Amino acid sequence: MVKNAILRGSIPFIIFGVMALFLYIDGDIETAQNTFIATIIFTLVSAASIIYDLDQWSVFKRSLIHFLVMLITIYPILVVSGWFEMNTISDYLVVFLLFFGVGLILWGIALGIVTLLGKKS
């Protein structure tokens, strides 16, 4: 399982990491930094997708565990990324609501795709 997580995470890390490196070499430091932050996010999300291979767990349990993993990894990255103004408690709440809302939308899309593909097999 860990081997699969590393493999899944390494693919976006290599692709986007190389892009960030080329941007850095080209002198576009700010875009390189933002691309690298996105690289870390894509890497963690991809690696955590192995949770959905655990067929002995219910969809609810897999979704809850995935949400908790994202909460302790992605949310802090968003907070320290510099992408958002983080001066007040309400700023942290806004970022959390954005994190939760985007996650819910992406989860719903993924569930819909999996459901449709499952019906066609």
PDB file of N, CA and C in Angstrom:
ATOM      1  N   MET A   1       0.823  -1.197   0.000  1.00  0.00           N
ATOM      2  CA  MET A   1       0.000   0.000   0.000  1.00  0.00           C
ATOM      3  C   MET A   1       0.868   1.262   0.000  1.00  0.00           C
ATOM      4  N   VAL A   2       1.893   1.289   0.829  1.00  0.00           N
ATOM      5  CA  VAL A   2       2.788   2.447   0.878  1.00  0.00           C
ATOM      6  C   VAL A   2       3.508   2.613  -0.458  1.00  0.00           C
ATOM      7  N   LYS A   3       3.898   1.484  -1.048  1.00  0.00           N
ATOM      8  CA  LYS A   3       4.574   1.525  -2.345  1.00  0.00           C
ATOM      9  C   LYS A   3       3.662   2.154  -3.402  1.00  0.00           C
ATOM     10  N   ASN A   4       2.382   1.787  -3.395  1.00  0.00           N
ATOM     11  CA  ASN A   4       1.423   2.363  -4.345  1.00  0.00           C
ATOM     12  C   ASN A   4       1.233   3.859  -4.101  1.00  0.00           C
ATOM     13  N   ALA A   5       1.195   4.261  -2.841  1.00  0.00           N
ATOM     14  CA  ALA A   5       1.043   5.689  -2.518  1.00  0.00           C
ATOM     15  C   ALA A   5       2.243   6.478  -3.036  1.00  0.00           C
ATOM     16  N   ILE A   6       3.438   5.919  -2.845  1.00  0.00           N
ATOM     17  CA  ILE A   6       4.649   6.599  -3.326  1.00  0.00           C
ATOM     18  C   ILE A   6       4.629   6.695  -4.847  1.00  0.00           C
ATOM     19  N   LEU A   7       4.235   5.613  -5.503  1.00  0.00           N
ATOM     20  CA  LEU A   7       4.170   5.628  -6.965  1.00  0.00           C
ATOM     21  C   LEU A   7       3.157   6.662  -7.459  1.00  0.00           C
ATOM     22  N   ARG A   8       1.967   6.650  -6.883  1.00  0.00           N
ATOM     23  CA  ARG A   8       0.937   7.609  -7.305  1.00  0.00           C
ATOM     24  C   ARG A   8       1.349   9.044  -7.034  1.00  0.00           C
ATOM     25  N   GLY A   9       2.017   9.267  -5.924  1.00  0.00           N
ATOM     26  CA  GLY A   9       2.448  10.617  -5.580  1.00  0.00           C
ATOM     27  C   GLY A   9       3.634  11.088  -6.400  1.00  0.00           C
ATOM     28  N   SER A  10       4.478  10.147  -6.814  1.00  0.00           N
ATOM     29  CA  SER A  10       5.694  10.540  -7.542  1.00  0.00           C
ATOM     30  C   SER A  10       5.395  11.045  -8.949  1.00  0.00           C
ATOM     31  N   ILE A  11       4.322  10.572  -9.552  1.00  0.00           N
ATOM     32  CA  ILE A  11       4.009  10.993 -10.924  1.00  0.00           C
ATOM     33  C   ILE A  11       3.752  12.505 -11.000  1.00  0.00           C
ATOM     34  N   PRO A  12       2.803  13.048 -10.217  1.00  0.00           N
ATOM     35  CA  PRO A  12       2.627  14.512 -10.289  1.00  0.00           C
ATOM     36  C   PRO A  12       3.829  15.274  -9.735  1.00  0.00           C
ATOM     37  N   PHE A  13       4.522  14.664  -8.756  1.00  0.00           N
ATOM     38  CA  PHE A  13       5.692  15.345  -8.198  1.00  0.00           C
ATOM     39  C   PHE A  13       6.755  15.559  -9.274  1.00  0.00           C
ATOM     40  N   ILE A  14       7.007  14.536 -10.068  1.00  0.00           N
ATOM     41  CA  ILE A  14       8.021  14.644 -11.117  1.00  0.00           C
ATOM     42  C   ILE A  14       7.565  15.625 -12.204  1.00  0.00           C
ATOM     43  N   ILE A  15       6.339  15.456 -12.682  1.00  0.00           N
ATOM     44  CA  ILE A  15       5.856  16.302 -13.785  1.00  0.00           C
ATOM     45  C   ILE A  15       5.828  17.768 -13.386  1.00  0.00           C
ATOM     46  N   PHE A  16       5.136  18.073 -12.285  1.00  0.00           N
ATOM     47  CA  PHE A  16       4.994  19.473 -11.885  1.00  0.00           C
ATOM     48  C   PHE A  16       6.272  20.014 -11.251  1.00  0.00           C
ATOM     49  N   GLY A  17       7.033  19.140 -10.602  1.00  0.00           N
ATOM     50  CA  GLY A  17       8.298  19.569 -10.020  1.00  0.00           C
ATOM     51  C   GLY A  17       9.278  20.027 -11.088  1.00  0.00           C
ATOM     52  N   VAL A  18       9.311  19.307 -12.201  1.00  0.00           N
ATOM     53  CA  VAL A  18      10.181  19.705 -13.319  1.00  0.00           C
ATOM     54  C   VAL A  18       9.712  21.053 -13.874  1.00  0.00           C
ATOM     55  N   MET A  19       8.401  21.234 -13.983  1.00  0.00           N
ATOM     56  CA  MET A  19       7.881  22.530 -14.453  1.00  0.00           C
ATOM     57  C   MET A  19       8.315  23.652 -13.511  1.00  0.00           C
ATOM     58  N   ALA A  20       8.194  23.411 -12.205  1.00  0.00           N
ATOM     59  CA  ALA A  20       8.600  24.424 -11.229  1.00  0.00           C
ATOM     60  C   ALA A  20      10.093  24.714 -11.347  1.00  0.00           C
ATOM     61  N   LEU A  21      10.886  23.677 -11.550  1.00  0.00           N
ATOM     62  CA  LEU A  21      12.329  23.850 -11.693  1.00  0.00           C
ATOM     63  C   LEU A  21      12.668  24.694 -12.921  1.00  0.00           C
ATOM     64  N   PHE A  22      12.031  24.414 -14.050  1.00  0.00           N
ATOM     65  CA  PHE A  22      12.282  25.206 -15.258  1.00  0.00           C
ATOM     66  C   PHE A  22      11.853  26.659 -15.069  1.00  0.00           C
ATOM     67  N   LEU A  23      10.747  26.871 -14.389  1.00  0.00           N
ATOM     68  CA  LEU A  23      10.320  28.248 -14.105  1.00  0.00           C
ATOM     69  C   LEU A  23      11.349  28.966 -13.231  1.00  0.00           C
ATOM     70  N   TYR A  24      11.863  28.252 -12.247  1.00  0.00           N
ATOM     71  CA  TYR A  24      12.876  28.821 -11.360  1.00  0.00           C
ATOM     72  C   TYR A  24      14.143  29.172 -12.138  1.00  0.00           C
ATOM     73  N   ILE A  25      14.596  28.238 -12.969  1.00  0.00           N
ATOM     74  CA  ILE A  25      15.804  28.473 -13.784  1.00  0.00           C
ATOM     75  C   ILE A  25      15.589  29.651 -14.722  1.00  0.00           C
ATOM     76  N   ASP A  26      14.364  29.784 -15.220  1.00  0.00           N
ATOM     77  CA  ASP A  26      14.034  30.874 -16.143  1.00  0.00           C
ATOM     78  C   ASP A  26      13.933  32.222 -15.423  1.00  0.00           C
ATOM     79  N   GLY A  27      13.973  32.201 -14.086  1.00  0.00           N
ATOM     80  CA  GLY A  27      13.940  33.439 -13.320  1.00  0.00           C
ATOM     81  C   GLY A  27      12.565  33.861 -12.848  1.00  0.00           C
ATOM     82  N   ASP A  28      11.555  33.079 -13.131  1.00  0.00           N
ATOM     83  CA  ASP A  28      10.189  33.396 -12.693  1.00  0.00           C
ATOM     84  C   ASP A  28       9.959  32.765 -11.320  1.00  0.00           C
ATOM     85  N   ILE A  29      10.586  33.356 -10.319  1.00  0.00           N
ATOM     86  CA  ILE A  29      10.642  32.781  -8.970  1.00  0.00           C
ATOM     87  C   ILE A  29       9.253  32.637  -8.351  1.00  0.00           C
ATOM     88  N   GLU A  30       8.431  33.674  -8.447  1.00  0.00           N
ATOM     89  CA  GLU A  30       7.106  33.619  -7.821  1.00  0.00           C
ATOM     90  C   GLU A  30       6.245  32.507  -8.432  1.00  0.00           C
ATOM     91  N   THR A  31       6.231  32.405  -9.749  1.00  0.00           N
ATOM     92  CA  THR A  31       5.457  31.342 -10.400  1.00  0.00           C
ATOM     93  C   THR A  31       6.042  29.977 -10.060  1.00  0.00           C
ATOM     94  N   ALA A  32       7.360  29.885  -9.974  1.00  0.00           N
ATOM     95  CA  ALA A  32       8.011  28.628  -9.598  1.00  0.00           C
ATOM     96  C   ALA A  32       7.590  28.207  -8.195  1.00  0.00           C
ATOM     97  N   GLN A  33       7.570  29.162  -7.265  1.00  0.00           N
ATOM     98  CA  GLN A  33       7.151  28.847  -5.891  1.00  0.00           C
ATOM     99  C   GLN A  33       5.695  28.387  -5.851  1.00  0.00           C
ATOM    100  N   ASN A  34       4.830  29.095  -6.566  1.00  0.00           N
ATOM    101  CA  ASN A  34       3.417  28.711  -6.592  1.00  0.00           C
ATOM    102  C   ASN A  34       3.219  27.347  -7.251  1.00  0.00           C
ATOM    103  N   THR A  35       3.974  27.092  -8.306  1.00  0.00           N
ATOM    104  CA  THR A  35       3.895  25.794  -8.979  1.00  0.00           C
ATOM    105  C   THR A  35       4.376  24.691  -8.046  1.00  0.00           C
ATOM    106  N   PHE A  36       5.424  24.974  -7.271  1.00  0.00           N
ATOM    107  CA  PHE A  36       5.925  23.960  -6.345  1.00  0.00           C
ATOM    108  C   PHE A  36       4.912  23.676  -5.235  1.00  0.00           C
ATOM    109  N   ILE A  37       4.249  24.703  -4.740  1.00  0.00           N
ATOM    110  CA  ILE A  37       3.200  24.486  -3.729  1.00  0.00           C
ATOM    111  C   ILE A  37       2.087  23.622  -4.317  1.00  0.00           C
ATOM    112  N   ALA A  38       1.680  23.921  -5.540  1.00  0.00           N
ATOM    113  CA  ALA A  38       0.659  23.106  -6.215  1.00  0.00           C
ATOM    114  C   ALA A  38       1.175  21.680  -6.410  1.00  0.00           C
ATOM    115  N   THR A  39       2.460  21.533  -6.684  1.00  0.00           N
ATOM    116  CA  THR A  39       3.072  20.211  -6.839  1.00  0.00           C
ATOM    117  C   THR A  39       2.907  19.389  -5.566  1.00  0.00           C
ATOM    118  N   ILE A  40       3.179  20.003  -4.437  1.00  0.00           N
ATOM    119  CA  ILE A  40       3.045  19.304  -3.156  1.00  0.00           C
ATOM    120  C   ILE A  40       1.590  18.896  -2.941  1.00  0.00           C
ATOM    121  N   ILE A  41       0.661  19.784  -3.253  1.00  0.00           N
ATOM    122  CA  ILE A  41      -0.764  19.469  -3.092  1.00  0.00           C
ATOM    123  C   ILE A  41      -1.166  18.308  -3.991  1.00  0.00           C
ATOM    124  N   PHE A  42      -0.807  18.370  -5.278  1.00  0.00           N
ATOM    125  CA  PHE A  42      -1.148  17.290  -6.211  1.00  0.00           C
ATOM    126  C   PHE A  42      -0.519  15.971  -5.764  1.00  0.00           C
ATOM    127  N   THR A  43       0.706  16.036  -5.272  1.00  0.00           N
ATOM    128  CA  THR A  43       1.403  14.836  -4.821  1.00  0.00           C
ATOM    129  C   THR A  43       0.671  14.187  -3.652  1.00  0.00           C
ATOM    130  N   LEU A  44       0.303  14.984  -2.667  1.00  0.00           N
ATOM    131  CA  LEU A  44      -0.394  14.448  -1.492  1.00  0.00           C
ATOM    132  C   LEU A  44      -1.768  13.893  -1.838  1.00  0.00           C
ATOM    133  N   VAL A  45      -2.513  14.609  -2.672  1.00  0.00           N
ATOM    134  CA  VAL A  45      -3.839  14.134  -3.068  1.00  0.00           C
ATOM    135  C   VAL A  45      -3.716  12.830  -3.845  1.00  0.00           C
ATOM    136  N   SER A  46      -2.769  12.767  -4.756  1.00  0.00           N
ATOM    137  CA  SER A  46      -2.574  11.548  -5.547  1.00  0.00           C
ATOM    138  C   SER A  46      -2.160  10.375  -4.662  1.00  0.00           C
ATOM    139  N   ALA A  47      -1.240  10.601  -3.767  1.00  0.00           N
ATOM    140  CA  ALA A  47      -0.787   9.526  -2.875  1.00  0.00           C
ATOM    141  C   ALA A  47      -1.928   9.043  -1.975  1.00  0.00           C
ATOM    142  N   ALA A  48      -2.743   9.975  -1.499  1.00  0.00           N
ATOM    143  CA  ALA A  48      -3.838   9.612  -0.595  1.00  0.00           C
ATOM    144  C   ALA A  48      -4.973   8.880  -1.310  1.00  0.00           C
ATOM    145  N   SER A  49      -4.972   8.908  -2.628  1.00  0.00           N
ATOM    146  CA  SER A  49      -6.053   8.240  -3.362  1.00  0.00           C
ATOM    147  C   SER A  49      -6.062   6.735  -3.156  1.00  0.00           C
ATOM    148  N   ILE A  50      -4.974   6.179  -2.616  1.00  0.00           N
ATOM    149  CA  ILE A  50      -4.954   4.733  -2.352  1.00  0.00           C
ATOM    150  C   ILE A  50      -6.011   4.328  -1.331  1.00  0.00           C
ATOM    151  N   ILE A  51      -6.477   5.282  -0.566  1.00  0.00           N
ATOM    152  CA  ILE A  51      -7.525   4.996   0.420  1.00  0.00           C
ATOM    153  C   ILE A  51      -8.739   4.389  -0.272  1.00  0.00           C
ATOM    154  N   TYR A  52      -8.995   4.820  -1.502  1.00  0.00           N
ATOM    155  CA  TYR A  52     -10.178   4.331  -2.215  1.00  0.00           C
ATOM    156  C   TYR A  52      -9.991   2.935  -2.788  1.00  0.00           C
ATOM    157  N   ASP A  53      -8.796   2.353  -2.647  1.00  0.00           N
ATOM    158  CA  ASP A  53      -8.562   0.970  -3.053  1.00  0.00           C
ATOM    159  C   ASP A  53      -8.917  -0.013  -1.941  1.00  0.00           C
ATOM    160  N   LEU A  54      -9.210   0.494  -0.764  1.00  0.00           N
ATOM    161  CA  LEU A  54      -9.528  -0.362   0.378  1.00  0.00           C
ATOM    162  C   LEU A  54     -11.003  -0.757   0.327  1.00  0.00           C
ATOM    163  N   ASP A  55     -11.297  -1.764  -0.492  1.00  0.00           N
ATOM    164  CA  ASP A  55     -12.683  -2.161  -0.728  1.00  0.00           C
ATOM    165  C   ASP A  55     -13.385  -2.703   0.511  1.00  0.00           C
ATOM    166  N   GLN A  56     -12.631  -3.137   1.514  1.00  0.00           N
ATOM    167  CA  GLN A  56     -13.252  -3.641   2.735  1.00  0.00           C
ATOM    168  C   GLN A  56     -13.849  -2.506   3.583  1.00  0.00           C
ATOM    169  N   TRP A  57     -13.487  -1.273   3.276  1.00  0.00           N
ATOM    170  CA  TRP A  57     -14.050  -0.112   3.960  1.00  0.00           C
ATOM    171  C   TRP A  57     -15.246   0.404   3.170  1.00  0.00           C
ATOM    172  N   SER A  58     -16.202   0.969   3.870  1.00  0.00           N
ATOM    173  CA  SER A  58     -17.350   1.587   3.197  1.00  0.00           C
ATOM    174  C   SER A  58     -16.902   2.867   2.498  1.00  0.00           C
ATOM    175  N   VAL A  59     -17.707   3.317   1.545  1.00  0.00           N
ATOM    176  CA  VAL A  59     -17.406   4.582   0.862  1.00  0.00           C
ATOM    177  C   VAL A  59     -17.375   5.718   1.880  1.00  0.00           C
ATOM    178  N   PHE A  60     -18.272   5.677   2.849  1.00  0.00           N
ATOM    179  CA  PHE A  60     -18.296   6.716   3.890  1.00  0.00           C
ATOM    180  C   PHE A  60     -16.978   6.733   4.661  1.00  0.00           C
ATOM    181  N   LYS A  61     -16.505   5.547   5.090  1.00  0.00           N
ATOM    182  CA  LYS A  61     -15.267   5.480   5.867  1.00  0.00           C
ATOM    183  C   LYS A  61     -14.075   5.957   5.028  1.00  0.00           C
ATOM    184  N   ARG A  62     -13.996   5.519   3.775  1.00  0.00           N
ATOM    185  CA  ARG A  62     -12.894   5.951   2.903  1.00  0.00           C
ATOM    186  C   ARG A  62     -12.928   7.461   2.699  1.00  0.00           C
ATOM    187  N   SER A  63     -14.127   7.989   2.495  1.00  0.00           N
ATOM    188  CA  SER A  63     -14.271   9.435   2.284  1.00  0.00           C
ATOM    189  C   SER A  63     -13.881  10.210   3.533  1.00  0.00           C
ATOM    190  N   LEU A  64     -14.295   9.719   4.696  1.00  0.00           N
ATOM    191  CA  LEU A  64     -13.963  10.394   5.956  1.00  0.00           C
ATOM    192  C   LEU A  64     -12.458  10.378   6.208  1.00  0.00           C
ATOM    193  N   ILE A  65     -11.829   9.221   6.016  1.00  0.00           N
ATOM    194  CA  ILE A  65     -10.376   9.122   6.219  1.00  0.00           C
ATOM    195  C   ILE A  65      -9.643  10.032   5.226  1.00  0.00           C
ATOM    196  N   HIS A  66     -10.093  10.028   3.978  1.00  0.00           N
ATOM    197  CA  HIS A  66      -9.469  10.897   2.969  1.00  0.00           C
ATOM    198  C   HIS A  66      -9.610  12.366   3.368  1.00  0.00           C
ATOM    199  N   PHE A  67     -10.803  12.755   3.826  1.00  0.00           N
ATOM    200  CA  PHE A  67     -11.008  14.138   4.269  1.00  0.00           C
ATOM    201  C   PHE A  67     -10.053  14.489   5.414  1.00  0.00           C
ATOM    202  N   LEU A  68      -9.911  13.592   6.386  1.00  0.00           N
ATOM    203  CA  LEU A  68      -9.029  13.866   7.528  1.00  0.00           C
ATOM    204  C   LEU A  68      -7.566  13.983   7.082  1.00  0.00           C
ATOM    205  N   VAL A  69      -7.151  13.114   6.149  1.00  0.00           N
ATOM    206  CA  VAL A  69      -5.781  13.198   5.625  1.00  0.00           C
ATOM    207  C   VAL A  69      -5.579  14.538   4.923  1.00  0.00           C
ATOM    208  N   MET A  70      -6.559  14.949   4.127  1.00  0.00           N
ATOM    209  CA  MET A  70      -6.457  16.236   3.422  1.00  0.00           C
ATOM    210  C   MET A  70      -6.464  17.402   4.414  1.00  0.00           C
ATOM    211  N   LEU A  71      -7.258  17.269   5.469  1.00  0.00           N
ATOM    212  CA  LEU A  71      -7.345  18.331   6.473  1.00  0.00           C
ATOM    213  C   LEU A  71      -6.001  18.550   7.172  1.00  0.00           C
ATOM    214  N   ILE A  72      -5.287  17.474   7.467  1.00  0.00           N
ATOM    215  CA  ILE A  72      -4.014  17.643   8.186  1.00  0.00           C
ATOM    216  C   ILE A  72      -2.830  17.889   7.252  1.00  0.00           C
ATOM    217  N   THR A  73      -3.040  17.751   5.942  1.00  0.00           N
ATOM    218  CA  THR A  73      -1.940  18.016   5.007  1.00  0.00           C
ATOM    219  C   THR A  73      -2.214  19.233   4.129  1.00  0.00           C
ATOM    220  N   ILE A  74      -3.304  19.224   3.405  1.00  0.00           N
ATOM    221  CA  ILE A  74      -3.571  20.273   2.416  1.00  0.00           C
ATOM    222  C   ILE A  74      -3.961  21.593   3.073  1.00  0.00           C
ATOM    223  N   TYR A  75      -4.852  21.552   4.056  1.00  0.00           N
ATOM    224  CA  TYR A  75      -5.289  22.806   4.689  1.00  0.00           C
ATOM    225  C   TYR A  75      -4.106  23.610   5.253  1.00  0.00           C
ATOM    226  N   PRO A  76      -3.185  22.987   5.999  1.00  0.00           N
ATOM    227  CA  PRO A  76      -2.031  23.787   6.471  1.00  0.00           C
ATOM    228  C   PRO A  76      -1.175  24.346   5.327  1.00  0.00           C
ATOM    229  N   ILE A  77      -1.046  23.592   4.240  1.00  0.00           N
ATOM    230  CA  ILE A  77      -0.283  24.096   3.099  1.00  0.00           C
ATOM    231  C   ILE A  77      -0.965  25.343   2.537  1.00  0.00           C
ATOM    232  N   LEU A  78      -2.287  25.290   2.423  1.00  0.00           N
ATOM    233  CA  LEU A  78      -3.021  26.468   1.930  1.00  0.00           C
ATOM    234  C   LEU A  78      -2.823  27.661   2.859  1.00  0.00           C
ATOM    235  N   VAL A  79      -2.809  27.403   4.158  1.00  0.00           N
ATOM    236  CA  VAL A  79      -2.656  28.484   5.137  1.00  0.00           C
ATOM    237  C   VAL A  79      -1.292  29.165   5.013  1.00  0.00           C
ATOM    238  N   VAL A  80      -0.235  28.382   4.817  1.00  0.00           N
ATOM    239  CA  VAL A  80       1.112  28.972   4.776  1.00  0.00           C
ATOM    240  C   VAL A  80       1.589  29.289   3.358  1.00  0.00           C
ATOM    241  N   SER A  81       0.788  28.987   2.348  1.00  0.00           N
ATOM    242  CA  SER A  81       1.200  29.153   0.954  1.00  0.00           C
ATOM    243  C   SER A  81       1.438  30.608   0.537  1.00  0.00           C
ATOM    244  N   GLY A  82       0.789  31.530   1.219  1.00  0.00           N
ATOM    245  CA  GLY A  82       0.870  32.927   0.809  1.00  0.00           C
ATOM    246  C   GLY A  82      -0.185  33.273  -0.234  1.00  0.00           C
ATOM    247  N   TRP A  83      -1.021  32.315  -0.588  1.00  0.00           N
ATOM    248  CA  TRP A  83      -2.071  32.537  -1.583  1.00  0.00           C
ATOM    249  C   TRP A  83      -3.245  33.311  -1.001  1.00  0.00           C
ATOM    250  N   PHE A  84      -3.360  33.309   0.319  1.00  0.00           N
ATOM    251  CA  PHE A  84      -4.490  33.951   0.988  1.00  0.00           C
ATOM    252  C   PHE A  84      -3.972  34.880   2.074  1.00  0.00           C
ATOM    253  N   GLU A  85      -4.738  35.936   2.327  1.00  0.00           N
ATOM    254  CA  GLU A  85      -4.427  36.809   3.440  1.00  0.00           C
ATOM    255  C   GLU A  85      -4.870  36.102   4.709  1.00  0.00           C
ATOM    256  N   MET A  86      -3.967  35.967   5.662  1.00  0.00           N
ATOM    257  CA  MET A  86      -4.263  35.216   6.880  1.00  0.00           C
ATOM    258  C   MET A  86      -3.996  36.099   8.104  1.00  0.00           C
ATOM    259  N   ASN A  87      -4.864  37.084   8.302  1.00  0.00           N
ATOM    260  CA  ASN A  87      -4.663  38.020   9.409  1.00  0.00           C
ATOM    261  C   ASN A  87      -5.632  37.818  10.559  1.00  0.00           C
ATOM    262  N   THR A  88      -6.788  37.249  10.274  1.00  0.00           N
ATOM    263  CA  THR A  88      -7.802  37.101  11.312  1.00  0.00           C
ATOM    264  C   THR A  88      -8.320  35.664  11.329  1.00  0.00           C
ATOM    265  N   ILE A  89      -9.031  35.351  12.378  1.00  0.00           N
ATOM    266  CA  ILE A  89      -9.660  34.022  12.489  1.00  0.00           C
ATOM    267  C   ILE A  89     -10.612  33.806  11.313  1.00  0.00           C
ATOM    268  N   SER A  90     -11.311  34.848  10.905  1.00  0.00           N
ATOM    269  CA  SER A  90     -12.253  34.685   9.788  1.00  0.00           C
ATOM    270  C   SER A  90     -11.512  34.363   8.481  1.00  0.00           C
ATOM    271  N   ASP A  91     -10.262  34.826   8.320  1.00  0.00           N
ATOM    272  CA  ASP A  91      -9.467  34.460   7.139  1.00  0.00           C
ATOM    273  C   ASP A  91      -9.216  32.949   7.124  1.00  0.00           C
ATOM    274  N   TYR A  92      -8.893  32.399   8.293  1.00  0.00           N
ATOM    275  CA  TYR A  92      -8.671  30.948   8.389  1.00  0.00           C
ATOM    276  C   TYR A  92      -9.964  30.182   8.102  1.00  0.00           C
ATOM    277  N   LEU A  93     -11.074  30.733   8.550  1.00  0.00           N
ATOM    278  CA  LEU A  93     -12.372  30.101   8.301  1.00  0.00           C
ATOM    279  C   LEU A  93     -12.722  30.146   6.811  1.00  0.00           C
ATOM    280  N   VAL A  94     -12.460  31.276   6.169  1.00  0.00           N
ATOM    281  CA  VAL A  94     -12.736  31.400   4.731  1.00  0.00           C
ATOM    282  C   VAL A  94     -11.907  30.384   3.949  1.00  0.00           C
ATOM    283  N   VAL A  95     -10.634  30.242   4.285  1.00  0.00           N
ATOM    284  CA  VAL A  95      -9.775  29.276   3.595  1.00  0.00           C
ATOM    285  C   VAL A  95     -10.278  27.858   3.864  1.00  0.00           C
ATOM    286  N   PHE A  96     -10.700  27.582   5.108  1.00  0.00           N
ATOM    287  CA  PHE A  96     -11.248  26.259   5.405  1.00  0.00           C
ATOM    288  C   PHE A  96     -12.510  25.993   4.591  1.00  0.00           C
ATOM    289  N   LEU A  97     -13.392  26.969   4.504  1.00  0.00           N
ATOM    290  CA  LEU A  97     -14.622  26.782   3.733  1.00  0.00           C
ATOM    291  C   LEU A  97     -14.322  26.587   2.248  1.00  0.00           C
ATOM    292  N   LEU A  98     -13.337  27.293   1.740  1.00  0.00           N
ATOM    293  CA  LEU A  98     -12.905  27.103   0.355  1.00  0.00           C
ATOM    294  C   LEU A  98     -12.340  25.694   0.172  1.00  0.00           C
ATOM    295  N   PHE A  99     -11.472  25.282   1.093  1.00  0.00           N
ATOM    296  CA  PHE A  99     -10.901  23.932   1.084  1.00  0.00           C
ATOM    297  C   PHE A  99     -12.018  22.889   1.106  1.00  0.00           C
ATOM    298  N   PHE A 100     -12.965  23.054   1.999  1.00  0.00           N
ATOM    299  CA  PHE A 100     -14.061  22.091   2.149  1.00  0.00           C
ATOM    300  C   PHE A 100     -14.959  22.098   0.909  1.00  0.00           C
ATOM    301  N   GLY A 101     -15.308  23.273   0.421  1.00  0.00           N
ATOM    302  CA  GLY A 101     -16.202  23.370  -0.732  1.00  0.00           C
ATOM    303  C   GLY A 101     -15.605  22.782  -1.993  1.00  0.00           C
ATOM    304  N   VAL A 102     -14.353  23.131  -2.280  1.00  0.00           N
ATOM    305  CA  VAL A 102     -13.685  22.581  -3.467  1.00  0.00           C
ATOM    306  C   VAL A 102     -13.529  21.065  -3.319  1.00  0.00           C
ATOM    307  N   GLY A 103     -13.169  20.623  -2.124  1.00  0.00           N
ATOM    308  CA  GLY A 103     -13.037  19.189  -1.879  1.00  0.00           C
ATOM    309  C   GLY A 103     -14.347  18.455  -2.083  1.00  0.00           C
ATOM    310  N   LEU A 104     -15.425  19.030  -1.607  1.00  0.00           N
ATOM    311  CA  LEU A 104     -16.746  18.411  -1.756  1.00  0.00           C
ATOM    312  C   LEU A 104     -17.153  18.327  -3.228  1.00  0.00           C
ATOM    313  N   ILE A 105     -16.895  19.378  -3.963  1.00  0.00           N
ATOM    314  CA  ILE A 105     -17.222  19.382  -5.400  1.00  0.00           C
ATOM    315  C   ILE A 105     -16.399  18.323  -6.134  1.00  0.00           C
ATOM    316  N   LEU A 106     -15.090  18.288  -5.876  1.00  0.00           N
ATOM    317  CA  LEU A 106     -14.233  17.305  -6.540  1.00  0.00           C
ATOM    318  C   LEU A 106     -14.602  15.881  -6.140  1.00  0.00           C
ATOM    319  N   TRP A 107     -14.936  15.673  -4.868  1.00  0.00           N
ATOM    320  CA  TRP A 107     -15.368  14.353  -4.397  1.00  0.00           C
ATOM    321  C   TRP A 107     -16.655  13.940  -5.108  1.00  0.00           C
ATOM    322  N   GLY A 108     -17.589  14.873  -5.247  1.00  0.00           N
ATOM    323  CA  GLY A 108     -18.850  14.569  -5.925  1.00  0.00           C
ATOM    324  C   GLY A 108     -18.643  14.222  -7.394  1.00  0.00           C
ATOM    325  N   ILE A 109     -17.760  14.960  -8.053  1.00  0.00           N
ATOM    326  CA  ILE A 109     -17.453  14.668  -9.460  1.00  0.00           C
ATOM    327  C   ILE A 109     -16.813  13.284  -9.582  1.00  0.00           C
ATOM    328  N   ALA A 110     -15.840  13.005  -8.721  1.00  0.00           N
ATOM    329  CA  ALA A 110     -15.164  11.699  -8.764  1.00  0.00           C
ATOM    330  C   ALA A 110     -16.140  10.569  -8.483  1.00  0.00           C
ATOM    331  N   LEU A 111     -17.011  10.742  -7.503  1.00  0.00           N
ATOM    332  CA  LEU A 111     -18.008   9.713  -7.187  1.00  0.00           C
ATOM    333  C   LEU A 111     -18.949   9.503  -8.366  1.00  0.00           C
ATOM    334  N   GLY A 112     -19.352  10.583  -9.011  1.00  0.00           N
ATOM    335  CA  GLY A 112     -20.218  10.473 -10.183  1.00  0.00           C
ATOM    336  C   GLY A 112     -19.552   9.719 -11.318  1.00  0.00           C
ATOM    337  N   ILE A 113     -18.284  10.014 -11.561  1.00  0.00           N
ATOM    338  CA  ILE A 113     -17.542   9.330 -12.626  1.00  0.00           C
ATOM    339  C   ILE A 113     -17.405   7.841 -12.309  1.00  0.00           C
ATOM    340  N   VAL A 114     -17.019   7.522 -11.083  1.00  0.00           N
ATOM    341  CA  VAL A 114     -16.871   6.124 -10.680  1.00  0.00           C
ATOM    342  C   VAL A 114     -18.210   5.387 -10.793  1.00  0.00           C
ATOM    343  N   THR A 115     -19.277   6.030 -10.394  1.00  0.00           N
ATOM    344  CA  THR A 115     -20.607   5.416 -10.480  1.00  0.00           C
ATOM    345  C   THR A 115     -20.986   5.156 -11.936  1.00  0.00           C
ATOM    346  N   LEU A 116     -20.754   6.139 -12.798  1.00  0.00           N
ATOM    347  CA  LEU A 116     -21.059   5.954 -14.230  1.00  0.00           C
ATOM    348  C   LEU A 116     -20.216   4.857 -14.857  1.00  0.00           C
ATOM    349  N   LEU A 117     -18.929   4.829 -14.538  1.00  0.00           N
ATOM    350  CA  LEU A 117     -18.049   3.807 -15.099  1.00  0.00           C
ATOM    351  C   LEU A 117     -18.419   2.423 -14.578  1.00  0.00           C
ATOM    352  N   GLY A 118     -18.867   2.370 -13.329  1.00  0.00           N
ATOM    353  CA  GLY A 118     -19.282   1.098 -12.749  1.00  0.00           C
ATOM    354  C   GLY A 118     -20.515   0.529 -13.406  1.00  0.00           C
ATOM    355  N   LYS A 119     -21.417   1.386 -13.861  1.00  0.00           N
ATOM    356  CA  LYS A 119     -22.643   0.944 -14.519  1.00  0.00           C
ATOM    357  C   LYS A 119     -22.374   0.427 -15.927  1.00  0.00           C
ATOM    358  N   LYS A 120     -21.295   0.914 -16.553  1.00  0.00           N
ATOM    359  CA  LYS A 120     -20.984   0.524 -17.931  1.00  0.00           C
ATOM    360  C   LYS A 120     -20.219  -0.806 -18.001  1.00  0.00           C
ATOM    361  N   SER A 121     -19.629  -1.255 -16.874  1.00  0.00           N
ATOM    362  CA  SER A 121     -18.842  -2.476 -16.927  1.00  0.00           C
ATOM    363  C   SER A 121     -19.686  -3.710 -16.847  1.00  0.00           C
TER     364      SER A 121
END
